[in-house]
């Protein structure tokens, strides 16, 4: 556990088990804020491609990408698959078919 005392009686505690820190990339607007708090200096950051992967039943998968551009592309592809599968099957099964096509 690491504690930082800042002017104005501000205390920041990091316990080393953080899984997600918004703005930890130097190009992000929040990065300067984290620098001022001493939270990002000399810390190795790991940037994952996926924030979450939800698997339903057997092969049905939904991926929540960390990169917004990649997430948008994935959602458009998924929407197209849903549209195509809903034209050839009942609408209740369209999402399941689209997710199976991963």
Protein backbone atom coordinates (compact mmCIF):
# COMPACT_ATOMS: atom_id res chain seq x y z
CA UNK A 1 0.00 0.00 0.00
CA UNK A 2 1.28 3.44 -0.92
CA UNK A 3 0.06 6.68 0.63
CA UNK A 4 0.62 10.22 -0.61
CA UNK A 5 0.11 13.33 1.50
CA UNK A 6 -0.64 16.42 -0.56
CA UNK A 7 -1.09 20.08 0.32
CA UNK A 8 -4.51 20.94 1.71
CA UNK A 9 -4.66 17.84 3.92
CA UNK A 10 -5.37 15.58 0.93
CA UNK A 11 -4.35 11.96 1.33
CA UNK A 12 -4.30 9.44 -1.53
CA UNK A 13 -3.93 5.72 -0.88
CA UNK A 14 -3.21 3.12 -3.56
CA UNK A 15 -3.31 -0.49 -2.46
CA UNK A 16 -1.67 -2.13 -5.48
CA UNK A 17 -4.69 -4.11 -6.60
CA UNK A 18 -6.13 -1.64 -9.07
CA UNK A 19 -7.52 -3.24 -12.22
CA UNK A 20 -8.59 -0.15 -14.14
CA UNK A 21 -7.30 3.42 -13.94
CA UNK A 22 -9.10 5.81 -16.26
CA UNK A 23 -6.66 8.26 -17.80
CA UNK A 24 -3.45 6.35 -17.12
CA UNK A 25 -2.19 6.81 -20.68
CA UNK A 26 0.08 9.88 -21.15
CA UNK A 27 -2.10 11.11 -24.04
CA UNK A 28 -5.24 11.17 -21.88
CA UNK A 29 -6.56 14.37 -20.28
CA UNK A 30 -6.71 12.70 -16.84
CA UNK A 31 -3.00 11.79 -16.93
CA UNK A 32 -1.87 15.18 -15.59
CA UNK A 33 -4.27 14.78 -12.68
CA UNK A 34 -2.76 11.36 -11.83
CA UNK A 35 0.74 12.85 -12.14
CA UNK A 36 -0.11 15.60 -9.65
CA UNK A 37 -1.34 12.95 -7.21
CA UNK A 38 1.80 10.88 -7.73
CA UNK A 39 -0.18 7.86 -8.92
CA UNK A 40 1.51 7.15 -12.27
CA UNK A 41 5.19 7.96 -11.78
CA UNK A 42 7.46 4.91 -11.97
CA UNK A 43 4.47 2.60 -12.38
CA UNK A 44 4.24 -0.01 -15.12
CA UNK A 45 0.84 0.24 -16.79
CA UNK A 46 -0.65 -2.68 -18.67
CA UNK A 47 -3.12 -1.75 -21.38
CA UNK A 48 -5.43 -4.63 -22.21
CA UNK A 49 -7.23 -4.90 -25.53
CA UNK A 50 -10.40 -6.16 -23.83
CA UNK A 51 -12.09 -4.78 -20.73
CA UNK A 52 -14.52 -7.67 -20.49
CA UNK A 53 -15.50 -10.78 -22.38
CA UNK A 54 -18.90 -12.28 -21.69
CA UNK A 55 -19.41 -15.88 -22.72
CA UNK A 56 -22.93 -17.24 -22.75
CA UNK A 57 -23.63 -20.94 -23.04
CA UNK A 58 -21.20 -22.56 -25.48
CA UNK A 59 -19.67 -20.35 -28.16
CA UNK A 60 -21.65 -17.12 -27.76
CA UNK A 61 -19.26 -14.29 -26.89
CA UNK A 62 -19.61 -10.53 -26.44
CA UNK A 63 -16.41 -8.47 -26.16
CA UNK A 64 -16.15 -5.03 -24.58
CA UNK A 65 -13.00 -3.52 -26.12
CA UNK A 66 -11.04 -0.81 -24.29
CA UNK A 67 -10.31 1.09 -27.51
CA UNK A 68 -13.46 3.02 -28.46
CA UNK A 69 -12.68 2.84 -32.18
CA UNK A 70 -12.32 -0.93 -32.01
CA UNK A 71 -15.48 -1.21 -29.90
CA UNK A 72 -17.42 0.85 -32.45
CA UNK A 73 -16.17 -1.33 -35.31
CA UNK A 74 -17.08 -4.50 -33.40
CA UNK A 75 -20.58 -3.21 -32.57
CA UNK A 76 -21.19 -2.31 -36.23
CA UNK A 77 -20.07 -5.78 -37.30
CA UNK A 78 -22.33 -7.33 -34.67
CA UNK A 79 -25.28 -5.16 -35.75
CA UNK A 80 -24.76 -6.24 -39.37
CA UNK A 81 -24.70 -9.91 -38.32
CA UNK A 82 -27.90 -9.41 -36.32
CA UNK A 83 -29.58 -7.73 -39.29
CA UNK A 84 -28.49 -10.50 -41.67
CA UNK A 85 -29.49 -13.31 -39.31
CA UNK A 86 -32.85 -11.70 -38.50
CA UNK A 87 -33.69 -11.72 -42.21
CA UNK A 88 -33.14 -15.47 -42.37
CA UNK A 89 -34.56 -16.52 -38.97
CA UNK A 90 -36.91 -15.45 -36.22
CA UNK A 91 -35.89 -12.21 -34.47
CA UNK A 92 -35.65 -13.99 -31.13
CA UNK A 93 -32.68 -16.01 -32.37
CA UNK A 94 -30.93 -13.23 -34.32
CA UNK A 95 -28.62 -12.10 -31.49
CA UNK A 96 -27.71 -15.68 -30.58
CA UNK A 97 -26.82 -16.43 -34.20
CA UNK A 98 -24.80 -13.23 -34.51
CA UNK A 99 -22.78 -14.00 -31.39
CA UNK A 100 -22.18 -17.58 -32.52
CA UNK A 101 -20.50 -16.25 -35.68
CA UNK A 102 -17.53 -14.93 -33.66
